[in-house]
Protein backbone atom coordinates (compact mmCIF):
# COMPACT_ATOMS: atom_id res chain seq x y z
CA UNK A 1 -7.27 60.36 56.34
CA UNK A 2 -3.17 61.24 55.42
CA UNK A 3 -4.11 64.71 54.63
CA UNK A 4 -6.10 65.12 57.75
CA UNK A 5 -2.89 63.72 59.96
CA UNK A 6 -0.49 66.27 57.97
CA UNK A 7 -3.11 68.80 58.90
CA UNK A 8 -2.74 68.44 62.61
CA UNK A 9 0.57 67.63 62.57
CA UNK A 10 1.23 71.17 60.91
CA UNK A 11 -0.95 72.43 64.02
CA UNK A 12 1.30 70.93 66.14
CA UNK A 13 4.20 73.15 65.32
CA UNK A 14 2.27 76.45 65.35
CA UNK A 15 2.79 79.09 67.99
CA UNK A 16 -0.44 80.14 68.70
CA UNK A 17 -2.17 76.70 69.09
CA UNK A 18 -1.73 73.71 71.52
CA UNK A 19 -2.85 70.37 69.89
CA UNK A 20 -2.71 67.61 72.71
CA UNK A 21 -3.47 64.06 72.24
CA UNK A 22 -5.21 62.08 74.86
CA UNK A 23 -4.42 58.11 74.63
CA UNK A 24 -6.16 55.25 76.78
CA UNK A 25 -3.55 54.88 79.74
CA UNK A 26 -4.03 53.95 83.11
CA UNK A 27 -3.03 57.38 84.57
CA UNK A 28 -5.03 59.16 82.27
CA UNK A 29 -7.22 59.33 85.29
CA UNK A 30 -10.52 60.24 83.59
CA UNK A 31 -12.30 59.25 80.73
CA UNK A 32 -15.48 61.37 79.93
CA UNK A 33 -18.13 59.18 78.46
CA UNK A 34 -19.26 62.59 75.80
CA UNK A 35 -17.53 65.23 73.99
CA UNK A 36 -17.72 68.86 75.47
CA UNK A 37 -17.23 72.28 74.72
CA UNK A 38 -16.06 74.80 77.25
CA UNK A 39 -16.80 77.98 75.73
CA UNK A 40 -15.97 80.17 78.55
CA UNK A 41 -16.33 80.18 82.19
CA UNK A 42 -20.20 80.27 81.85
CA UNK A 43 -21.08 77.77 79.32
CA UNK A 44 -20.37 74.07 78.00
CA UNK A 45 -21.55 72.04 75.28
CA UNK A 46 -22.12 68.19 75.64
CA UNK A 47 -22.80 65.99 72.95
CA UNK A 48 -25.08 63.16 73.81
CA UNK A 49 -26.51 60.57 71.57
CA UNK A 50 -30.13 62.06 71.38
CA UNK A 51 -28.39 65.84 70.72
CA UNK A 52 -26.70 68.49 72.36
CA UNK A 53 -26.86 69.83 75.70
CA UNK A 54 -25.86 73.17 77.27
CA UNK A 55 -24.93 73.13 80.55
CA UNK A 56 -24.70 76.41 82.66
CA UNK A 57 -24.84 75.77 85.96
CA UNK A 58 -21.63 76.74 88.23
CA UNK A 59 -20.85 74.11 89.55
CA UNK A 60 -21.24 71.84 86.69
CA UNK A 61 -19.48 74.46 84.46
CA UNK A 62 -16.61 73.71 87.22
CA UNK A 63 -16.68 70.39 86.49
CA UNK A 64 -15.91 70.37 82.97
CA UNK A 65 -13.21 72.55 83.63
CA UNK A 66 -11.58 70.21 86.11
CA UNK A 67 -12.36 67.43 83.60
CA UNK A 68 -10.48 69.61 80.79
CA UNK A 69 -7.31 70.39 83.22
CA UNK A 70 -6.82 66.55 83.79
CA UNK A 71 -7.35 65.41 80.26
CA UNK A 72 -4.93 68.44 79.07
CA UNK A 73 -2.00 67.07 81.55
CA UNK A 74 -2.27 63.34 80.70
CA UNK A 75 -2.09 64.67 76.60
CA UNK A 76 0.93 64.35 74.51
CA UNK A 77 2.29 67.31 73.13
CA UNK A 78 4.64 67.94 70.17
CA UNK A 79 7.21 65.78 69.15
CA UNK A 80 5.38 62.71 71.15
CA UNK A 81 1.72 64.25 69.14
CA UNK A 82 3.59 63.92 65.72
CA UNK A 83 4.49 60.19 66.34
CA UNK A 84 1.14 59.50 66.88
CA UNK A 85 0.04 61.17 63.55
CA UNK A 86 2.43 59.66 61.84
CA UNK A 87 2.22 55.88 62.70
CA UNK A 88 -1.30 56.66 62.30
CA UNK A 89 -0.92 57.94 58.93
CA UNK A 90 1.57 54.76 58.18
CA UNK A 91 -1.65 52.57 59.11
CA UNK A 92 -3.55 53.93 56.62
CA UNK A 93 -1.59 54.13 54.15
CA UNK A 94 -0.87 50.74 54.26
CA UNK A 95 -4.52 49.93 54.06
CA UNK A 96 -5.33 51.50 50.67
């Protein structure tokens, strides 16, 4: 786990990537019940308990895009994200 936190920390410093951490707070405004990946404006992959679902209806894709926008606006980036990764790393180090 420590190596994973180090890798995530490194990714927060890359110019060609944006890594945000969404934490549960009252002002988040949304917390989706499932994981989802937006591939493009035409398709979203949703992970559910029985398997993966491909969402292709334009209105549904737009809804996932809106959810992603809300989540990304509530995420922490840069120094704030690195503090969370360092805290998690320290927490796991104390358990070994």
